[in-house]
Amino acid sequence: MTIESISALYTPLGGVQSKKTASSAAAASGSADFSTVLADLVKQTASTIKASEDTAIKGIQGQAPLQDVVQSVMRAQTSLQTAMSLRDKAVSAYQDLTRMTI
Protein backbone atom coordinates (compact mmCIF):
# COMPACT_ATOMS: atom_id res chain seq x y z
CA MET A 1 0.00 0.00 0.00
CA THR A 2 1.50 3.34 -1.01
CA ILE A 3 0.57 6.79 0.18
CA GLU A 4 0.44 9.11 -2.78
CA SER A 5 0.29 12.36 -0.83
CA ILE A 6 -0.68 13.70 2.55
CA SER A 7 -2.20 16.70 0.80
CA ALA A 8 -4.80 14.33 -0.70
CA LEU A 9 -5.94 13.58 2.86
CA TYR A 10 -5.71 17.15 4.07
CA THR A 11 -8.09 19.79 2.76
CA PRO A 12 -7.90 23.35 4.10
CA LEU A 13 -11.06 25.00 5.45
CA GLY A 14 -11.64 26.87 2.22
CA GLY A 15 -11.71 23.64 0.28
CA VAL A 16 -9.27 25.03 -2.25
CA GLN A 17 -6.49 22.60 -3.03
CA SER A 18 -4.10 22.60 -5.91
CA LYS A 19 -4.23 19.37 -7.88
CA LYS A 20 -0.74 20.16 -9.09
CA THR A 21 0.55 20.17 -5.48
CA ALA A 22 -1.24 16.93 -4.64
CA SER A 23 0.23 15.05 -7.56
CA SER A 24 3.66 16.72 -7.80
CA ALA A 25 5.25 14.35 -5.29
CA ALA A 26 3.84 11.26 -6.98
CA ALA A 27 4.84 12.45 -10.45
CA ALA A 28 8.41 13.28 -9.45
CA SER A 29 9.55 9.74 -8.73
CA GLY A 30 6.68 7.50 -9.73
CA SER A 31 5.71 7.11 -6.10
CA ALA A 32 5.96 9.66 -3.35
CA ASP A 33 8.57 9.16 -0.70
CA PHE A 34 7.99 10.42 2.81
CA SER A 35 10.52 13.25 2.66
CA THR A 36 8.96 14.67 -0.51
CA VAL A 37 5.50 14.58 1.02
CA LEU A 38 6.75 16.35 4.15
CA ALA A 39 8.58 18.96 2.09
CA ASP A 40 5.40 19.65 0.11
CA LEU A 41 3.43 19.94 3.35
CA VAL A 42 5.92 22.44 4.75
CA LYS A 43 5.79 24.54 1.57
CA GLN A 44 2.00 24.45 1.54
CA THR A 45 1.82 25.44 5.21
CA ALA A 46 4.22 28.34 4.70
CA SER A 47 2.27 29.64 1.71
CA THR A 48 -1.03 29.32 3.60
CA ILE A 49 0.36 31.32 6.54
CA LYS A 50 1.77 33.97 4.19
CA ALA A 51 -1.58 34.29 2.41
CA SER A 52 -3.31 34.60 5.78
CA GLU A 53 -0.97 37.39 6.82
CA ASP A 54 -1.63 39.23 3.57
CA THR A 55 -5.39 38.88 4.02
CA ALA A 56 -5.16 40.06 7.64
CA ILE A 57 -3.22 43.15 6.56
CA LYS A 58 -5.82 43.87 3.89
CA GLY A 59 -8.54 43.45 6.52
CA ILE A 60 -6.84 45.97 8.82
CA GLN A 61 -6.62 48.40 5.92
CA GLY A 62 -10.31 47.86 5.17
CA GLN A 63 -9.69 46.23 1.79
CA ALA A 64 -10.94 42.74 2.72
CA PRO A 65 -14.21 41.65 4.35
CA LEU A 66 -14.05 40.33 7.91
CA GLN A 67 -15.35 36.91 6.84
CA ASP A 68 -12.43 36.45 4.42
CA VAL A 69 -9.97 37.43 7.14
CA VAL A 70 -11.45 34.95 9.62
CA GLN A 71 -11.52 32.13 7.06
CA SER A 72 -7.94 32.81 6.08
CA VAL A 73 -6.74 32.83 9.68
CA MET A 74 -8.63 29.61 10.45
CA ARG A 75 -7.11 27.97 7.36
CA ALA A 76 -3.63 28.99 8.52
CA GLN A 77 -4.33 27.73 12.03
CA THR A 78 -5.48 24.35 10.71
CA SER A 79 -2.41 24.04 8.47
CA LEU A 80 -0.07 24.91 11.33
CA GLN A 81 -1.77 22.47 13.72
CA THR A 82 -1.48 19.69 11.13
CA ALA A 83 2.22 20.39 10.60
CA MET A 84 2.83 20.50 14.37
CA SER A 85 0.99 17.20 14.87
CA LEU A 86 3.11 15.52 12.21
CA ARG A 87 6.26 16.95 13.77
CA ASP A 88 5.23 15.70 17.22
CA LYS A 89 4.47 12.22 15.87
CA ALA A 90 7.82 12.07 14.07
CA VAL A 91 9.69 13.10 17.22
CA SER A 92 7.74 10.57 19.28
CA ALA A 93 8.52 7.80 16.78
CA TYR A 94 12.22 8.73 16.83
CA GLN A 95 12.25 8.65 20.62
CA ASP A 96 10.59 5.22 20.58
CA LEU A 97 13.27 3.97 18.21
CA THR A 98 16.08 5.26 20.40
CA ARG A 99 14.59 3.51 23.45
CA MET A 100 14.45 0.12 21.75
CA THR A 101 16.93 -2.46 22.90
CA ILE A 102 18.97 -4.25 20.31
PDB file of N, CA and C in Angstrom:
ATOM      1  N   MET A   1       0.843  -1.179   0.000  1.00  0.00           N
ATOM      2  CA  MET A   1       0.000   0.000   0.000  1.00  0.00           C
ATOM      3  C   MET A   1       0.885   1.238   0.000  1.00  0.00           C
ATOM      4  N   THR A   2       0.699   2.131  -0.947  1.00  0.00           N
ATOM      5  CA  THR A   2       1.499   3.337  -1.014  1.00  0.00           C
ATOM      6  C   THR A   2       0.632   4.542  -0.701  1.00  0.00           C
ATOM      7  N   ILE A   3       1.248   5.529  -0.107  1.00  0.00           N
ATOM      8  CA  ILE A   3       0.573   6.785   0.181  1.00  0.00           C
ATOM      9  C   ILE A   3       1.012   7.767  -0.884  1.00  0.00           C
ATOM     10  N   GLU A   4       0.073   8.214  -1.685  1.00  0.00           N
ATOM     11  CA  GLU A   4       0.436   9.111  -2.776  1.00  0.00           C
ATOM     12  C   GLU A   4       0.793  10.496  -2.269  1.00  0.00           C
ATOM     13  N   SER A   5       0.004  11.037  -1.339  1.00  0.00           N
ATOM     14  CA  SER A   5       0.294  12.360  -0.833  1.00  0.00           C
ATOM     15  C   SER A   5      -0.537  12.645   0.398  1.00  0.00           C
ATOM     16  N   ILE A   6       0.066  13.289   1.366  1.00  0.00           N
ATOM     17  CA  ILE A   6      -0.685  13.699   2.546  1.00  0.00           C
ATOM     18  C   ILE A   6      -1.676  14.783   2.151  1.00  0.00           C
ATOM     19  N   SER A   7      -1.316  15.615   1.187  1.00  0.00           N
ATOM     20  CA  SER A   7      -2.203  16.696   0.801  1.00  0.00           C
ATOM     21  C   SER A   7      -3.516  16.179   0.216  1.00  0.00           C
ATOM     22  N   ALA A   8      -3.546  14.917  -0.231  1.00  0.00           N
ATOM     23  CA  ALA A   8      -4.797  14.335  -0.699  1.00  0.00           C
ATOM     24  C   ALA A   8      -5.719  14.048   0.479  1.00  0.00           C
ATOM     25  N   LEU A   9      -5.134  13.823   1.657  1.00  0.00           N
ATOM     26  CA  LEU A   9      -5.936  13.578   2.857  1.00  0.00           C
ATOM     27  C   LEU A   9      -6.319  14.869   3.558  1.00  0.00           C
ATOM     28  N   TYR A  10      -5.532  15.887   3.367  1.00  0.00           N
ATOM     29  CA  TYR A  10      -5.706  17.146   4.070  1.00  0.00           C
ATOM     30  C   TYR A  10      -6.313  18.180   3.141  1.00  0.00           C
ATOM     31  N   THR A  11      -7.450  18.740   3.535  1.00  0.00           N
ATOM     32  CA  THR A  11      -8.091  19.788   2.759  1.00  0.00           C
ATOM     33  C   THR A  11      -8.276  21.001   3.656  1.00  0.00           C
ATOM     34  N   PRO A  12      -7.726  22.155   3.289  1.00  0.00           N
ATOM     35  CA  PRO A  12      -7.898  23.353   4.099  1.00  0.00           C
ATOM     36  C   PRO A  12      -9.370  23.727   4.229  1.00  0.00           C
ATOM     37  N   LEU A  13      -9.682  24.607   5.178  1.00  0.00           N
ATOM     38  CA  LEU A  13     -11.060  25.000   5.449  1.00  0.00           C
ATOM     39  C   LEU A  13     -11.762  25.556   4.217  1.00  0.00           C
ATOM     40  N   GLY A  14     -11.038  26.287   3.395  1.00  0.00           N
ATOM     41  CA  GLY A  14     -11.644  26.875   2.215  1.00  0.00           C
ATOM     42  C   GLY A  14     -11.968  25.864   1.137  1.00  0.00           C
ATOM     43  N   GLY A  15     -11.452  24.668   1.258  1.00  0.00           N
ATOM     44  CA  GLY A  15     -11.714  23.635   0.279  1.00  0.00           C
ATOM     45  C   GLY A  15     -10.921  23.795  -1.005  1.00  0.00           C
ATOM     46  N   VAL A  16     -10.057  24.790  -1.055  1.00  0.00           N
ATOM     47  CA  VAL A  16      -9.269  25.031  -2.249  1.00  0.00           C
ATOM     48  C   VAL A  16      -7.966  24.265  -2.115  1.00  0.00           C
ATOM     49  N   GLN A  17      -7.710  23.405  -3.058  1.00  0.00           N
ATOM     50  CA  GLN A  17      -6.489  22.604  -3.025  1.00  0.00           C
ATOM     51  C   GLN A  17      -5.967  22.469  -4.440  1.00  0.00           C
ATOM     52  N   SER A  18      -4.712  22.697  -4.592  1.00  0.00           N
ATOM     53  CA  SER A  18      -4.101  22.601  -5.907  1.00  0.00           C
ATOM     54  C   SER A  18      -3.883  21.145  -6.277  1.00  0.00           C
ATOM     55  N   LYS A  19      -4.446  20.742  -7.414  1.00  0.00           N
ATOM     56  CA  LYS A  19      -4.234  19.366  -7.876  1.00  0.00           C
ATOM     57  C   LYS A  19      -2.786  19.171  -8.285  1.00  0.00           C
ATOM     58  N   LYS A  20      -2.138  20.249  -8.727  1.00  0.00           N
ATOM     59  CA  LYS A  20      -0.735  20.162  -9.094  1.00  0.00           C
ATOM     60  C   LYS A  20       0.107  19.829  -7.860  1.00  0.00           C
ATOM     61  N   THR A  21      -0.191  20.452  -6.708  1.00  0.00           N
ATOM     62  CA  THR A  21       0.548  20.173  -5.478  1.00  0.00           C
ATOM     63  C   THR A  21       0.316  18.746  -5.023  1.00  0.00           C
ATOM     64  N   ALA A  22      -0.907  18.271  -5.119  1.00  0.00           N
ATOM     65  CA  ALA A  22      -1.243  16.934  -4.641  1.00  0.00           C
ATOM     66  C   ALA A  22      -0.559  15.845  -5.453  1.00  0.00           C
ATOM     67  N   SER A  23      -0.353  16.095  -6.720  1.00  0.00           N
ATOM     68  CA  SER A  23       0.230  15.054  -7.556  1.00  0.00           C
ATOM     69  C   SER A  23       1.700  15.295  -7.888  1.00  0.00           C
ATOM     70  N   SER A  24       2.270  16.426  -7.452  1.00  0.00           N
ATOM     71  CA  SER A  24       3.656  16.723  -7.804  1.00  0.00           C
ATOM     72  C   SER A  24       4.622  15.734  -7.180  1.00  0.00           C
ATOM     73  N   ALA A  25       4.352  15.309  -5.950  1.00  0.00           N
ATOM     74  CA  ALA A  25       5.251  14.353  -5.292  1.00  0.00           C
ATOM     75  C   ALA A  25       5.187  12.998  -5.971  1.00  0.00           C
ATOM     76  N   ALA A  26       4.002  12.559  -6.336  1.00  0.00           N
ATOM     77  CA  ALA A  26       3.844  11.261  -6.981  1.00  0.00           C
ATOM     78  C   ALA A  26       4.437  11.268  -8.391  1.00  0.00           C
ATOM     79  N   ALA A  27       4.330  12.381  -9.087  1.00  0.00           N
ATOM     80  CA  ALA A  27       4.840  12.452 -10.449  1.00  0.00           C
ATOM     81  C   ALA A  27       6.361  12.543 -10.491  1.00  0.00           C
ATOM     82  N   ALA A  28       6.962  13.067  -9.445  1.00  0.00           N
ATOM     83  CA  ALA A  28       8.411  13.279  -9.449  1.00  0.00           C
ATOM     84  C   ALA A  28       9.190  11.982  -9.512  1.00  0.00           C
ATOM     85  N   SER A  29       8.759  10.970  -8.769  1.00  0.00           N
ATOM     86  CA  SER A  29       9.549   9.744  -8.733  1.00  0.00           C
ATOM     87  C   SER A  29       8.717   8.495  -8.992  1.00  0.00           C
ATOM     88  N   GLY A  30       7.543   8.656  -9.492  1.00  0.00           N
ATOM     89  CA  GLY A  30       6.682   7.496  -9.733  1.00  0.00           C
ATOM     90  C   GLY A  30       5.847   7.180  -8.511  1.00  0.00           C
ATOM     91  N   SER A  31       6.448   7.244  -7.344  1.00  0.00           N
ATOM     92  CA  SER A  31       5.710   7.109  -6.097  1.00  0.00           C
ATOM     93  C   SER A  31       6.330   8.069  -5.101  1.00  0.00           C
ATOM     94  N   ALA A  32       5.501   8.631  -4.260  1.00  0.00           N
ATOM     95  CA  ALA A  32       5.960   9.665  -3.346  1.00  0.00           C
ATOM     96  C   ALA A  32       6.702   9.048  -2.171  1.00  0.00           C
ATOM     97  N   ASP A  33       7.889   9.587  -1.905  1.00  0.00           N
ATOM     98  CA  ASP A  33       8.566   9.157  -0.698  1.00  0.00           C
ATOM     99  C   ASP A  33       8.193  10.119   0.432  1.00  0.00           C
ATOM    100  N   PHE A  34       8.456   9.694   1.634  1.00  0.00           N
ATOM    101  CA  PHE A  34       7.991  10.424   2.806  1.00  0.00           C
ATOM    102  C   PHE A  34       8.599  11.817   2.891  1.00  0.00           C
ATOM    103  N   SER A  35       9.875  11.949   2.568  1.00  0.00           N
ATOM    104  CA  SER A  35      10.523  13.252   2.661  1.00  0.00           C
ATOM    105  C   SER A  35       9.942  14.250   1.661  1.00  0.00           C
ATOM    106  N   THR A  36       9.572  13.794   0.485  1.00  0.00           N
ATOM    107  CA  THR A  36       8.960  14.673  -0.513  1.00  0.00           C
ATOM    108  C   THR A  36       7.591  15.143  -0.049  1.00  0.00           C
ATOM    109  N   VAL A  37       6.832  14.224   0.521  1.00  0.00           N
ATOM    110  CA  VAL A  37       5.501  14.576   1.021  1.00  0.00           C
ATOM    111  C   VAL A  37       5.619  15.598   2.144  1.00  0.00           C
ATOM    112  N   LEU A  38       6.568  15.390   3.060  1.00  0.00           N
ATOM    113  CA  LEU A  38       6.754  16.346   4.148  1.00  0.00           C
ATOM    114  C   LEU A  38       7.232  17.695   3.632  1.00  0.00           C
ATOM    115  N   ALA A  39       8.113  17.697   2.656  1.00  0.00           N
ATOM    116  CA  ALA A  39       8.581  18.956   2.086  1.00  0.00           C
ATOM    117  C   ALA A  39       7.437  19.722   1.434  1.00  0.00           C
ATOM    118  N   ASP A  40       6.569  19.011   0.720  1.00  0.00           N
ATOM    119  CA  ASP A  40       5.402  19.654   0.107  1.00  0.00           C
ATOM    120  C   ASP A  40       4.459  20.211   1.176  1.00  0.00           C
ATOM    121  N   LEU A  41       4.291  19.478   2.258  1.00  0.00           N
ATOM    122  CA  LEU A  41       3.429  19.935   3.345  1.00  0.00           C
ATOM    123  C   LEU A  41       3.986  21.205   3.979  1.00  0.00           C
ATOM    124  N   VAL A  42       5.295  21.265   4.169  1.00  0.00           N
ATOM    125  CA  VAL A  42       5.924  22.444   4.752  1.00  0.00           C
ATOM    126  C   VAL A  42       5.754  23.650   3.827  1.00  0.00           C
ATOM    127  N   LYS A  43       5.959  23.442   2.537  1.00  0.00           N
ATOM    128  CA  LYS A  43       5.795  24.536   1.572  1.00  0.00           C
ATOM    129  C   LYS A  43       4.351  25.029   1.544  1.00  0.00           C
ATOM    130  N   GLN A  44       3.404  24.092   1.568  1.00  0.00           N
ATOM    131  CA  GLN A  44       1.998  24.454   1.540  1.00  0.00           C
ATOM    132  C   GLN A  44       1.605  25.207   2.812  1.00  0.00           C
ATOM    133  N   THR A  45       2.119  24.767   3.951  1.00  0.00           N
ATOM    134  CA  THR A  45       1.823  25.435   5.209  1.00  0.00           C
ATOM    135  C   THR A  45       2.377  26.853   5.216  1.00  0.00           C
ATOM    136  N   ALA A  46       3.609  27.007   4.745  1.00  0.00           N
ATOM    137  CA  ALA A  46       4.223  28.339   4.699  1.00  0.00           C
ATOM    138  C   ALA A  46       3.454  29.277   3.781  1.00  0.00           C
ATOM    139  N   SER A  47       3.022  28.779   2.637  1.00  0.00           N
ATOM    140  CA  SER A  47       2.274  29.642   1.713  1.00  0.00           C
ATOM    141  C   SER A  47       0.891  29.985   2.268  1.00  0.00           C
ATOM    142  N   THR A  48       0.275  29.053   2.988  1.00  0.00           N
ATOM    143  CA  THR A  48      -1.026  29.320   3.603  1.00  0.00           C
ATOM    144  C   THR A  48      -0.902  30.396   4.675  1.00  0.00           C
ATOM    145  N   ILE A  49       0.145  30.316   5.490  1.00  0.00           N
ATOM    146  CA  ILE A  49       0.355  31.315   6.535  1.00  0.00           C
ATOM    147  C   ILE A  49       0.658  32.675   5.926  1.00  0.00           C
ATOM    148  N   LYS A  50       1.461  32.705   4.865  1.00  0.00           N
ATOM    149  CA  LYS A  50       1.772  33.968   4.190  1.00  0.00           C
ATOM    150  C   LYS A  50       0.509  34.589   3.600  1.00  0.00           C
ATOM    151  N   ALA A  51      -0.331  33.777   2.975  1.00  0.00           N
ATOM    152  CA  ALA A  51      -1.580  34.291   2.410  1.00  0.00           C
ATOM    153  C   ALA A  51      -2.497  34.819   3.514  1.00  0.00           C
ATOM    154  N   SER A  52      -2.497  34.152   4.647  1.00  0.00           N
ATOM    155  CA  SER A  52      -3.309  34.596   5.779  1.00  0.00           C
ATOM    156  C   SER A  52      -2.836  35.946   6.303  1.00  0.00           C
ATOM    157  N   GLU A  53      -1.517  36.102   6.389  1.00  0.00           N
ATOM    158  CA  GLU A  53      -0.966  37.387   6.823  1.00  0.00           C
ATOM    159  C   GLU A  53      -1.348  38.499   5.860  1.00  0.00           C
ATOM    160  N   ASP A  54      -1.255  38.223   4.571  1.00  0.00           N
ATOM    161  CA  ASP A  54      -1.630  39.230   3.570  1.00  0.00           C
ATOM    162  C   ASP A  54      -3.100  39.609   3.683  1.00  0.00           C
ATOM    163  N   THR A  55      -3.959  38.605   3.879  1.00  0.00           N
ATOM    164  CA  THR A  55      -5.393  38.876   4.022  1.00  0.00           C
ATOM    165  C   THR A  55      -5.671  39.662   5.294  1.00  0.00           C
ATOM    166  N   ALA A  56      -4.975  39.337   6.383  1.00  0.00           N
ATOM    167  CA  ALA A  56      -5.164  40.064   7.642  1.00  0.00           C
ATOM    168  C   ALA A  56      -4.754  41.530   7.494  1.00  0.00           C
ATOM    169  N   ILE A  57      -3.662  41.770   6.795  1.00  0.00           N
ATOM    170  CA  ILE A  57      -3.219  43.155   6.562  1.00  0.00           C
ATOM    171  C   ILE A  57      -4.247  43.902   5.725  1.00  0.00           C
ATOM    172  N   LYS A  58      -4.787  43.240   4.697  1.00  0.00           N
ATOM    173  CA  LYS A  58      -5.824  43.873   3.885  1.00  0.00           C
ATOM    174  C   LYS A  58      -7.071  44.148   4.720  1.00  0.00           C
ATOM    175  N   GLY A  59      -7.390  43.249   5.644  1.00  0.00           N
ATOM    176  CA  GLY A  59      -8.541  43.451   6.524  1.00  0.00           C
ATOM    177  C   GLY A  59      -8.347  44.645   7.436  1.00  0.00           C
ATOM    178  N   ILE A  60      -7.140  44.820   7.963  1.00  0.00           N
ATOM    179  CA  ILE A  60      -6.835  45.973   8.825  1.00  0.00           C
ATOM    180  C   ILE A  60      -6.947  47.267   8.036  1.00  0.00           C
ATOM    181  N   GLN A  61      -6.552  47.217   6.775  1.00  0.00           N
ATOM    182  CA  GLN A  61      -6.617  48.402   5.916  1.00  0.00           C
ATOM    183  C   GLN A  61      -8.025  48.651   5.385  1.00  0.00           C
ATOM    184  N   GLY A  62      -8.930  47.708   5.632  1.00  0.00           N
ATOM    185  CA  GLY A  62     -10.305  47.863   5.172  1.00  0.00           C
ATOM    186  C   GLY A  62     -10.515  47.408   3.739  1.00  0.00           C
ATOM    187  N   GLN A  63      -9.586  46.666   3.180  1.00  0.00           N
ATOM    188  CA  GLN A  63      -9.687  46.230   1.794  1.00  0.00           C
ATOM    189  C   GLN A  63     -10.236  44.816   1.651  1.00  0.00           C
ATOM    190  N   ALA A  64     -10.431  44.116   2.765  1.00  0.00           N
ATOM    191  CA  ALA A  64     -10.942  42.740   2.718  1.00  0.00           C
ATOM    192  C   ALA A  64     -12.059  42.601   3.746  1.00  0.00           C
ATOM    193  N   PRO A  65     -13.126  41.858   3.398  1.00  0.00           N
ATOM    194  CA  PRO A  65     -14.213  41.653   4.349  1.00  0.00           C
ATOM    195  C   PRO A  65     -13.750  40.814   5.555  1.00  0.00           C
ATOM    196  N   LEU A  66     -14.404  41.031   6.670  1.00  0.00           N
ATOM    197  CA  LEU A  66     -14.050  40.335   7.910  1.00  0.00           C
ATOM    198  C   LEU A  66     -14.162  38.819   7.762  1.00  0.00           C
ATOM    199  N   GLN A  67     -15.163  38.351   7.031  1.00  0.00           N
ATOM    200  CA  GLN A  67     -15.352  36.910   6.843  1.00  0.00           C
ATOM    201  C   GLN A  67     -14.145  36.281   6.131  1.00  0.00           C
ATOM    202  N   ASP A  68     -13.614  36.964   5.131  1.00  0.00           N
ATOM    203  CA  ASP A  68     -12.431  36.450   4.423  1.00  0.00           C
ATOM    204  C   ASP A  68     -11.213  36.388   5.350  1.00  0.00           C
ATOM    205  N   VAL A  69     -11.083  37.397   6.199  1.00  0.00           N
ATOM    206  CA  VAL A  69      -9.966  37.427   7.140  1.00  0.00           C
ATOM    207  C   VAL A  69     -10.064  36.254   8.117  1.00  0.00           C
ATOM    208  N   VAL A  70     -11.254  36.034   8.657  1.00  0.00           N
ATOM    209  CA  VAL A  70     -11.449  34.950   9.623  1.00  0.00           C
ATOM    210  C   VAL A  70     -11.213  33.596   8.963  1.00  0.00           C
ATOM    211  N   GLN A  71     -11.737  33.395   7.762  1.00  0.00           N
ATOM    212  CA  GLN A  71     -11.524  32.130   7.060  1.00  0.00           C
ATOM    213  C   GLN A  71     -10.048  31.892   6.775  1.00  0.00           C
ATOM    214  N   SER A  72      -9.360  32.929   6.377  1.00  0.00           N
ATOM    215  CA  SER A  72      -7.942  32.810   6.079  1.00  0.00           C
ATOM    216  C   SER A  72      -7.134  32.471   7.330  1.00  0.00           C
ATOM    217  N   VAL A  73      -7.447  33.111   8.434  1.00  0.00           N
ATOM    218  CA  VAL A  73      -6.737  32.834   9.683  1.00  0.00           C
ATOM    219  C   VAL A  73      -7.037  31.416  10.165  1.00  0.00           C
ATOM    220  N   MET A  74      -8.267  30.968  10.042  1.00  0.00           N
ATOM    221  CA  MET A  74      -8.627  29.607  10.454  1.00  0.00           C
ATOM    222  C   MET A  74      -7.932  28.575   9.565  1.00  0.00           C
ATOM    223  N   ARG A  75      -7.811  28.866   8.280  1.00  0.00           N
ATOM    224  CA  ARG A  75      -7.113  27.970   7.360  1.00  0.00           C
ATOM    225  C   ARG A  75      -5.636  27.858   7.753  1.00  0.00           C
ATOM    226  N   ALA A  76      -5.028  28.990   8.094  1.00  0.00           N
ATOM    227  CA  ALA A  76      -3.628  28.986   8.520  1.00  0.00           C
ATOM    228  C   ALA A  76      -3.462  28.234   9.835  1.00  0.00           C
ATOM    229  N   GLN A  77      -4.396  28.421  10.750  1.00  0.00           N
ATOM    230  CA  GLN A  77      -4.329  27.727  12.025  1.00  0.00           C
ATOM    231  C   GLN A  77      -4.424  26.213  11.837  1.00  0.00           C
ATOM    232  N   THR A  78      -5.326  25.775  10.979  1.00  0.00           N
ATOM    233  CA  THR A  78      -5.478  24.345  10.711  1.00  0.00           C
ATOM    234  C   THR A  78      -4.216  23.769  10.064  1.00  0.00           C
ATOM    235  N   SER A  79      -3.637  24.490   9.128  1.00  0.00           N
ATOM    236  CA  SER A  79      -2.405  24.038   8.474  1.00  0.00           C
ATOM    237  C   SER A  79      -1.270  23.921   9.478  1.00  0.00           C
ATOM    238  N   LEU A  80      -1.142  24.920  10.342  1.00  0.00           N
ATOM    239  CA  LEU A  80      -0.074  24.908  11.333  1.00  0.00           C
ATOM    240  C   LEU A  80      -0.264  23.779  12.349  1.00  0.00           C
ATOM    241  N   GLN A  81      -1.508  23.559  12.780  1.00  0.00           N
ATOM    242  CA  GLN A  81      -1.770  22.469  13.720  1.00  0.00           C
ATOM    243  C   GLN A  81      -1.467  21.109  13.100  1.00  0.00           C
ATOM    244  N   THR A  82      -1.777  20.945  11.823  1.00  0.00           N
ATOM    245  CA  THR A  82      -1.479  19.688  11.132  1.00  0.00           C
ATOM    246  C   THR A  82       0.026  19.465  11.059  1.00  0.00           C
ATOM    247  N   ALA A  83       0.763  20.504  10.696  1.00  0.00           N
ATOM    248  CA  ALA A  83       2.219  20.392  10.604  1.00  0.00           C
ATOM    249  C   ALA A  83       2.824  20.093  11.983  1.00  0.00           C
ATOM    250  N   MET A  84       2.318  20.735  13.021  1.00  0.00           N
ATOM    251  CA  MET A  84       2.835  20.496  14.366  1.00  0.00           C
ATOM    252  C   MET A  84       2.513  19.088  14.839  1.00  0.00           C
ATOM    253  N   SER A  85       1.344  18.578  14.489  1.00  0.00           N
ATOM    254  CA  SER A  85       0.986  17.205  14.865  1.00  0.00           C
ATOM    255  C   SER A  85       1.903  16.201  14.194  1.00  0.00           C
ATOM    256  N   LEU A  86       2.192  16.412  12.922  1.00  0.00           N
ATOM    257  CA  LEU A  86       3.112  15.520  12.210  1.00  0.00           C
ATOM    258  C   LEU A  86       4.513  15.589  12.802  1.00  0.00           C
ATOM    259  N   ARG A  87       4.939  16.791  13.140  1.00  0.00           N
ATOM    260  CA  ARG A  87       6.257  16.945  13.766  1.00  0.00           C
ATOM    261  C   ARG A  87       6.309  16.201  15.093  1.00  0.00           C
ATOM    262  N   ASP A  88       5.271  16.370  15.923  1.00  0.00           N
ATOM    263  CA  ASP A  88       5.229  15.704  17.223  1.00  0.00           C
ATOM    264  C   ASP A  88       5.233  14.187  17.082  1.00  0.00           C
ATOM    265  N   LYS A  89       4.499  13.672  16.105  1.00  0.00           N
ATOM    266  CA  LYS A  89       4.469  12.221  15.874  1.00  0.00           C
ATOM    267  C   LYS A  89       5.834  11.714  15.403  1.00  0.00           C
ATOM    268  N   ALA A  90       6.494  12.480  14.552  1.00  0.00           N
ATOM    269  CA  ALA A  90       7.818  12.071  14.067  1.00  0.00           C
ATOM    270  C   ALA A  90       8.827  12.058  15.214  1.00  0.00           C
ATOM    271  N   VAL A  91       8.790  13.055  16.072  1.00  0.00           N
ATOM    272  CA  VAL A  91       9.693  13.102  17.220  1.00  0.00           C
ATOM    273  C   VAL A  91       9.398  11.945  18.168  1.00  0.00           C
ATOM    274  N   SER A  92       8.134  11.677  18.398  1.00  0.00           N
ATOM    275  CA  SER A  92       7.741  10.571  19.275  1.00  0.00           C
ATOM    276  C   SER A  92       8.218   9.228  18.711  1.00  0.00           C
ATOM    277  N   ALA A  93       8.071   9.045  17.406  1.00  0.00           N
ATOM    278  CA  ALA A  93       8.519   7.802  16.778  1.00  0.00           C
ATOM    279  C   ALA A  93      10.038   7.669  16.879  1.00  0.00           C
ATOM    280  N   TYR A  94      10.764   8.758  16.701  1.00  0.00           N
ATOM    281  CA  TYR A  94      12.215   8.731  16.827  1.00  0.00           C
ATOM    282  C   TYR A  94      12.624   8.368  18.251  1.00  0.00           C
ATOM    283  N   GLN A  95      11.940   8.961  19.227  1.00  0.00           N
ATOM    284  CA  GLN A  95      12.255   8.649  20.620  1.00  0.00           C
ATOM    285  C   GLN A  95      11.960   7.180  20.941  1.00  0.00           C
ATOM    286  N   ASP A  96      10.901   6.647  20.385  1.00  0.00           N
ATOM    287  CA  ASP A  96      10.590   5.224  20.578  1.00  0.00           C
ATOM    288  C   ASP A  96      11.687   4.349  19.984  1.00  0.00           C
ATOM    289  N   LEU A  97      12.188   4.728  18.829  1.00  0.00           N
ATOM    290  CA  LEU A  97      13.269   3.968  18.206  1.00  0.00           C
ATOM    291  C   LEU A  97      14.552   4.003  19.040  1.00  0.00           C
ATOM    292  N   THR A  98      14.848   5.155  19.614  1.00  0.00           N
ATOM    293  CA  THR A  98      16.076   5.262  20.404  1.00  0.00           C
ATOM    294  C   THR A  98      15.972   4.498  21.718  1.00  0.00           C
ATOM    295  N   ARG A  99      14.777   4.258  22.204  1.00  0.00           N
ATOM    296  CA  ARG A  99      14.591   3.509  23.450  1.00  0.00           C
ATOM    297  C   ARG A  99      14.585   2.000  23.248  1.00  0.00           C
ATOM    298  N   MET A 100      14.504   1.562  22.012  1.00  0.00           N
ATOM    299  CA  MET A 100      14.453   0.121  21.747  1.00  0.00           C
ATOM    300  C   MET A 100      15.789  -0.521  22.068  1.00  0.00           C
ATOM    301  N   THR A 101      15.696  -1.719  22.635  1.00  0.00           N
ATOM    302  CA  THR A 101      16.929  -2.459  22.903  1.00  0.00           C
ATOM    303  C   THR A 101      17.258  -3.323  21.697  1.00  0.00           C
ATOM    304  N   ILE A 102      18.532  -3.467  21.469  1.00  0.00           N
ATOM    305  CA  ILE A 102      18.970  -4.246  20.307  1.00  0.00           C
ATOM    306  C   ILE A 102      19.286  -5.660  20.727  1.00  0.00           C
TER     307      ILE A 102
END
